[in-house]
Protein backbone atom coordinates (compact mmCIF):
# COMPACT_ATOMS: atom_id res chain seq x y z
CA MET A 1 -17.11 70.87 72.65
CA VAL A 2 -15.20 74.13 72.49
CA VAL A 3 -13.96 75.83 75.65
CA ASN A 4 -14.60 79.59 75.50
CA LYS A 5 -13.33 82.08 78.06
CA ASN A 6 -14.43 85.57 79.07
CA ILE A 7 -18.07 85.20 77.92
CA PRO A 8 -20.00 88.16 79.45
CA SER A 9 -23.37 86.40 79.93
CA ALA A 10 -25.22 83.12 79.48
CA PHE A 11 -27.08 84.67 76.53
CA ALA A 12 -23.78 85.62 74.88
CA GLY A 13 -22.55 82.07 75.52
CA GLU A 14 -25.66 80.60 73.83
CA ALA A 15 -25.33 82.91 70.81
CA LEU A 16 -21.62 82.00 70.48
CA ALA A 17 -22.44 78.28 70.69
CA CYS A 18 -25.07 78.69 67.97
CA LEU A 19 -22.54 80.51 65.73
CA GLN A 20 -19.95 77.80 66.33
CA ALA A 21 -22.53 75.16 65.42
CA VAL A 22 -23.26 76.68 62.05
CA HIS A 23 -19.49 77.15 61.47
CA LEU A 24 -18.95 73.47 62.23
CA GLY A 25 -21.71 72.39 59.87
CA GLN A 26 -20.09 74.41 57.07
CA ALA A 27 -16.59 73.10 57.90
CA LEU A 28 -17.90 69.49 57.74
CA GLY A 29 -19.60 70.23 54.40
CA PHE A 30 -23.17 69.41 55.46
CA PRO A 31 -25.78 70.73 52.98
CA ASP A 32 -28.55 70.66 55.57
CA VAL A 33 -28.36 71.23 59.32
CA ILE A 34 -30.56 71.40 62.32
CA VAL A 35 -29.20 73.60 65.11
CA GLU A 36 -30.64 72.59 68.48
CA GLY A 37 -30.38 74.70 71.60
CA ASP A 38 -32.05 75.41 74.87
CA ALA A 39 -31.88 79.19 74.63
CA LEU A 40 -35.28 80.00 73.15
CA THR A 41 -34.35 83.68 72.55
CA VAL A 42 -31.33 82.77 70.42
CA ILE A 43 -33.41 80.23 68.48
CA HIS A 44 -36.17 82.82 67.80
CA LYS A 45 -33.66 85.51 66.81
CA GLY A 46 -31.87 83.05 64.49
CA GLN A 47 -35.17 82.29 62.70
CA SER A 48 -36.46 85.86 62.59
CA PRO A 49 -36.11 87.85 59.33
CA LEU A 50 -35.92 91.04 61.39
CA PHE A 51 -32.70 92.89 62.19
CA ASP A 52 -31.58 92.33 65.73
CA SER A 53 -30.55 95.56 67.51
CA SER A 54 -29.60 93.91 70.82
CA ILE A 55 -26.04 93.93 72.15
CA LEU A 56 -25.55 90.55 70.48
CA GLY A 57 -27.01 91.69 67.16
CA ALA A 58 -23.69 91.21 65.36
CA ASN A 59 -23.54 87.59 66.53
CA ILE A 60 -27.12 87.00 65.48
CA GLN A 61 -26.46 88.53 62.03
CA ASP A 62 -23.37 86.26 61.69
CA ILE A 63 -25.51 83.23 62.62
CA LYS A 64 -28.07 84.19 59.96
CA TRP A 65 -25.35 84.79 57.30
CA TRP A 66 -23.67 81.44 57.92
CA ALA A 67 -27.05 79.65 58.17
CA GLY A 68 -27.92 81.10 54.73
CA LEU A 69 -25.02 79.16 53.17
CA PHE A 70 -26.78 75.82 53.78
CA ARG A 71 -29.32 74.34 51.46
CA ARG A 72 -31.55 74.10 54.57
CA CYS A 73 -30.82 75.29 58.08
CA GLU A 74 -33.42 74.82 60.83
CA PHE A 75 -33.25 76.10 64.39
CA ARG A 76 -35.00 74.04 67.09
CA HIS A 77 -35.56 74.55 70.76
CA VAL A 78 -34.68 71.57 72.94
CA PRO A 79 -35.39 71.68 76.70
CA ARG A 80 -32.30 71.69 78.89
CA LYS A 81 -33.16 68.18 80.21
CA GLY A 82 -32.47 66.92 76.65
CA TYR A 83 -28.82 67.85 77.05
CA ILE A 84 -27.65 65.25 79.58
CA VAL A 85 -24.68 64.08 77.44
CA ALA A 86 -23.79 67.62 76.37
CA ASN A 87 -23.69 68.75 80.01
CA LEU A 88 -21.49 65.78 80.97
CA LEU A 89 -19.08 66.65 78.17
CA ALA A 90 -19.07 70.32 79.04
CA LYS A 91 -18.27 69.63 82.71
CA GLU A 92 -15.46 67.25 81.67
CA GLY A 93 -14.11 69.84 79.25
CA LEU A 94 -14.04 72.50 81.93
CA ARG A 95 -12.41 70.09 84.37
CA THR A 96 -9.66 69.09 81.93
CA GLY A 97 -9.41 72.30 79.92
CA THR A 98 -9.82 70.39 76.64
CA GLY A 99 -12.25 70.56 73.76
CA SER A 100 -13.67 67.94 71.42
CA TYR A 101 -16.60 67.22 69.14
CA LEU A 102 -18.63 64.14 68.38
CA SER A 103 -19.78 62.91 65.02
CA GLY A 104 -22.07 59.89 64.95
CA ARG A 105 -21.05 58.51 68.33
CA VAL A 106 -21.05 59.11 72.08
CA SER A 107 -17.68 59.62 73.76
CA ASP A 108 -16.18 56.98 76.03
CA PHE A 109 -16.36 59.48 78.93
CA ALA A 110 -20.13 60.03 78.48
CA GLN A 111 -20.79 56.28 78.16
CA GLN A 112 -19.00 55.60 81.45
CA ASN A 113 -21.16 58.19 83.26
């Protein structure tokens, strides 16, 4: 979880989260990644070979560039109801003003809730 401030829209937040996900995959040295998200527009734009001329086009191009560094990078849509633990962690991060990430386990906070 990363706490971001001054995000102009939900769409911008979803694009930034996707970009941060591919950055994290690279930082951890994963050769293959699956990026899951509930913003269908960001998922489709990340998969599309077309240039994105929207206001977030630069973010989408960055996502595509970073995704191209993996041996395999797949974008998948996951309905919002599939994000129960992620929502719990996000709410706790906003409450405490802290960030974290999970690798292979569920946080103690999420298990308690």
